Amino acid sequence: MLRWSITFLIIAIRAAILGFGGIAGTAAGIAEILFYVFLVLFVISLIFGPRKV
């Protein structure tokens, strides 16, 4: 998931450099959403990860 977030961030940067504002904004928004989803899943995995009983 983090890989997808980084991929969309790179797409957004390239689109912004080339002047495609709409595409850059959309790709940046997708990257931001994926990053937050990854962050939530990471925290959940830390909480409910391997436990010794």
Protein backbone atom coordinates (compact mmCIF):
# COMPACT_ATOMS: atom_id res chain seq x y z
CA MET A 1 0.00 0.00 0.00
CA LEU A 2 2.85 2.35 0.77
CA ARG A 3 4.32 1.53 -2.64
CA TRP A 4 1.07 2.67 -4.32
CA SER A 5 1.11 5.88 -2.30
CA ILE A 6 4.66 6.64 -3.41
CA THR A 7 3.77 5.78 -7.02
CA PHE A 8 0.86 8.22 -7.08
CA LEU A 9 3.03 10.87 -5.42
CA ILE A 10 5.63 10.49 -8.18
CA ILE A 11 2.88 10.69 -10.82
CA ALA A 12 1.59 13.87 -9.18
CA ILE A 13 5.03 15.46 -9.16
CA ARG A 14 5.64 14.61 -12.81
CA ALA A 15 2.21 15.90 -13.84
CA ALA A 16 2.76 19.12 -11.90
CA ILE A 17 6.11 19.69 -13.60
CA LEU A 18 4.53 19.15 -17.02
CA GLY A 19 1.67 21.52 -16.22
CA PHE A 20 -1.22 19.08 -15.88
CA GLY A 21 -2.86 20.64 -12.81
CA GLY A 22 -5.97 18.48 -12.68
CA ILE A 23 -4.10 15.22 -13.01
CA ALA A 24 -1.51 16.33 -10.47
CA GLY A 25 -4.18 17.25 -7.94
CA THR A 26 -6.03 13.98 -8.40
CA ALA A 27 -2.87 11.88 -8.11
CA ALA A 28 -1.78 13.81 -5.02
CA GLY A 29 -5.20 13.26 -3.45
CA ILE A 30 -5.05 9.53 -4.13
CA ALA A 31 -1.53 9.37 -2.71
CA GLU A 32 -2.68 11.18 0.43
CA ILE A 33 -5.65 8.84 0.95
CA LEU A 34 -3.51 5.74 0.41
CA PHE A 35 -0.91 7.06 2.85
CA TYR A 36 -3.50 7.54 5.58
CA VAL A 37 -4.98 4.09 4.95
CA PHE A 38 -1.47 2.63 5.19
CA LEU A 39 -0.85 4.54 8.41
CA VAL A 40 -4.06 3.26 10.01
CA LEU A 41 -3.32 -0.32 8.97
CA PHE A 42 0.21 0.01 10.35
CA VAL A 43 -1.04 1.20 13.73
CA ILE A 44 -3.62 -1.60 13.84
CA SER A 45 -0.93 -4.16 13.05
CA LEU A 46 1.22 -2.75 15.85
CA ILE A 47 -1.64 -3.04 18.33
CA PHE A 48 -2.90 -6.47 17.29
CA GLY A 49 0.41 -7.86 16.07
CA PRO A 50 2.23 -10.88 17.40
CA ARG A 51 1.41 -11.42 21.06
CA LYS A 52 2.94 -13.86 23.46
CA VAL A 53 0.34 -15.59 25.56
